[in-house]
Amino acid sequence: MHISDALDTSLVSLYGPTDNTRTRPLSASSKILCSQNDCYCNCYAFKTGEDFLLDKFGEDYCMKDITPSNVLSALESIIG
């Protein structure tokens, strides 16, 4: 993602527990999709470890709000 952004290439970035305001692509042509779950940007994994997160929420919790249709829509908006 960072290399693509540095080369000003359009991209779609997916964010689960990561704070997208700190690591987002800066290119105006890029799209950001964020999972807005209960612990968004206050991730338990960073505080308690991934094992705790998996036990508490399950494997797909951090990314489950980003659907394939969301990704396809973002790609279509870039491609035109």
C-alpha atoms as a PDB file:
ATOM      1  CA  MET A   1       0.000   0.000   0.000  1.00  0.00           C
ATOM      2  CA  HIS A   2       2.708   2.475   0.951  1.00  0.00           C
ATOM      3  CA  ILE A   3       4.709   1.849  -2.225  1.00  0.00           C
ATOM      4  CA  SER A   4       1.608   2.169  -4.376  1.00  0.00           C
ATOM      5  CA  ASP A   5       0.726   5.389  -2.617  1.00  0.00           C
ATOM      6  CA  ALA A   6       4.256   6.753  -3.030  1.00  0.00           C
ATOM      7  CA  LEU A   7       3.949   6.082  -6.773  1.00  0.00           C
ATOM      8  CA  ASP A   8       0.558   7.875  -6.780  1.00  0.00           C
ATOM      9  CA  THR A   9      -1.226   4.730  -7.933  1.00  0.00           C
ATOM     10  CA  SER A  10      -4.930   4.436  -7.166  1.00  0.00           C
ATOM     11  CA  LEU A  11      -5.694   1.834  -4.530  1.00  0.00           C
ATOM     12  CA  VAL A  12      -8.317   0.640  -2.083  1.00  0.00           C
ATOM     13  CA  SER A  13      -7.075   0.245   1.498  1.00  0.00           C
ATOM     14  CA  LEU A  14      -8.928  -1.917   4.000  1.00  0.00           C
ATOM     15  CA  TYR A  15      -8.706  -1.052   7.690  1.00  0.00           C
ATOM     16  CA  GLY A  16     -10.002  -3.111  10.577  1.00  0.00           C
ATOM     17  CA  PRO A  17      -8.428  -2.364  13.945  1.00  0.00           C
ATOM     18  CA  THR A  18      -5.725  -0.070  12.542  1.00  0.00           C
ATOM     19  CA  ASP A  19      -6.140   3.680  12.941  1.00  0.00           C
ATOM     20  CA  ASN A  20      -6.504   4.818   9.337  1.00  0.00           C
ATOM     21  CA  THR A  21      -5.765   8.428  10.242  1.00  0.00           C
ATOM     22  CA  ARG A  22      -2.168   7.427  11.006  1.00  0.00           C
ATOM     23  CA  THR A  23      -1.361   5.051   8.155  1.00  0.00           C
ATOM     24  CA  ARG A  24      -3.781   5.944   5.371  1.00  0.00           C
ATOM     25  CA  PRO A  25      -2.710   6.482   1.772  1.00  0.00           C
ATOM     26  CA  LEU A  26      -2.283  10.161   0.939  1.00  0.00           C
ATOM     27  CA  SER A  27      -3.058   9.964  -2.766  1.00  0.00           C
ATOM     28  CA  ALA A  28      -6.282  11.762  -3.676  1.00  0.00           C
ATOM     29  CA  SER A  29      -7.205   8.893  -6.000  1.00  0.00           C
ATOM     30  CA  SER A  30      -7.107   6.288  -3.212  1.00  0.00           C
ATOM     31  CA  LYS A  31     -10.127   4.972  -1.331  1.00  0.00           C
ATOM     32  CA  ILE A  32     -10.249   3.886   2.309  1.00  0.00           C
ATOM     33  CA  LEU A  33     -12.711   1.340   3.702  1.00  0.00           C
ATOM     34  CA  CYS A  34     -12.955   1.025   7.484  1.00  0.00           C
ATOM     35  CA  SER A  35     -14.619  -1.539   9.668  1.00  0.00           C
ATOM     36  CA  GLN A  36     -16.563   0.437  12.257  1.00  0.00           C
ATOM     37  CA  ASN A  37     -16.976  -2.162  14.984  1.00  0.00           C
ATOM     38  CA  ASP A  38     -17.140  -1.599  18.761  1.00  0.00           C
ATOM     39  CA  CYS A  39     -13.397  -1.397  19.296  1.00  0.00           C
ATOM     40  CA  TYR A  40     -12.516   0.607  16.176  1.00  0.00           C
ATOM     41  CA  CYS A  41      -9.358   2.698  16.746  1.00  0.00           C
ATOM     42  CA  ASN A  42      -9.275   1.466  20.331  1.00  0.00           C
ATOM     43  CA  CYS A  43      -8.135  -1.987  19.438  1.00  0.00           C
ATOM     44  CA  TYR A  44      -7.970  -4.577  22.164  1.00  0.00           C
ATOM     45  CA  ALA A  45      -5.291  -6.461  20.167  1.00  0.00           C
ATOM     46  CA  PHE A  46      -2.796  -3.667  20.705  1.00  0.00           C
ATOM     47  CA  LYS A  47      -3.536  -3.579  24.437  1.00  0.00           C
ATOM     48  CA  THR A  48      -4.088  -7.225  25.308  1.00  0.00           C
ATOM     49  CA  GLY A  49      -2.732  -9.253  22.376  1.00  0.00           C
ATOM     50  CA  GLU A  50      -4.274 -11.027  19.425  1.00  0.00           C
ATOM     51  CA  ASP A  51      -5.127 -14.183  21.377  1.00  0.00           C
ATOM     52  CA  PHE A  52      -7.429 -12.198  23.664  1.00  0.00           C
ATOM     53  CA  LEU A  53      -9.072 -10.571  20.659  1.00  0.00           C
ATOM     54  CA  LEU A  54      -9.680 -13.922  18.965  1.00  0.00           C
ATOM     55  CA  ASP A  55     -11.146 -15.427  22.154  1.00  0.00           C
ATOM     56  CA  LYS A  56     -13.396 -12.427  22.782  1.00  0.00           C
ATOM     57  CA  PHE A  57     -14.660 -11.663  19.261  1.00  0.00           C
ATOM     58  CA  GLY A  58     -13.693 -14.460  16.862  1.00  0.00           C
ATOM     59  CA  GLU A  59     -11.593 -14.474  13.735  1.00  0.00           C
ATOM     60  CA  ASP A  60     -13.488 -12.129  11.437  1.00  0.00           C
ATOM     61  CA  TYR A  61     -14.607  -9.445  13.883  1.00  0.00           C
ATOM     62  CA  CYS A  62     -12.126  -6.742  12.914  1.00  0.00           C
ATOM     63  CA  MET A  63     -12.919  -6.857   9.202  1.00  0.00           C
ATOM     64  CA  LYS A  64     -16.489  -8.162   9.013  1.00  0.00           C
ATOM     65  CA  ASP A  65     -18.063  -4.760   8.313  1.00  0.00           C
ATOM     66  CA  ILE A  66     -16.116  -4.463   5.061  1.00  0.00           C
ATOM     67  CA  THR A  67     -18.103  -6.470   2.551  1.00  0.00           C
ATOM     68  CA  PRO A  68     -17.072  -7.627  -0.910  1.00  0.00           C
ATOM     69  CA  SER A  69     -19.697  -5.283  -2.363  1.00  0.00           C
ATOM     70  CA  ASN A  70     -18.078  -2.362  -0.487  1.00  0.00           C
ATOM     71  CA  VAL A  71     -14.732  -3.248  -2.031  1.00  0.00           C
ATOM     72  CA  LEU A  72     -16.210  -3.654  -5.519  1.00  0.00           C
ATOM     73  CA  SER A  73     -17.965  -0.287  -5.253  1.00  0.00           C
ATOM     74  CA  ALA A  74     -14.727   1.403  -4.214  1.00  0.00           C
ATOM     75  CA  LEU A  75     -12.870  -0.239  -7.107  1.00  0.00           C
ATOM     76  CA  GLU A  76     -15.578   0.764  -9.567  1.00  0.00           C
ATOM     77  CA  SER A  77     -15.376   4.375  -8.397  1.00  0.00           C
ATOM     78  CA  ILE A  78     -11.638   4.355  -9.121  1.00  0.00           C
ATOM     79  CA  ILE A  79     -11.881   2.579 -12.455  1.00  0.00           C
ATOM     80  CA  GLY A  80     -14.856   4.590 -13.612  1.00  0.00           C
END
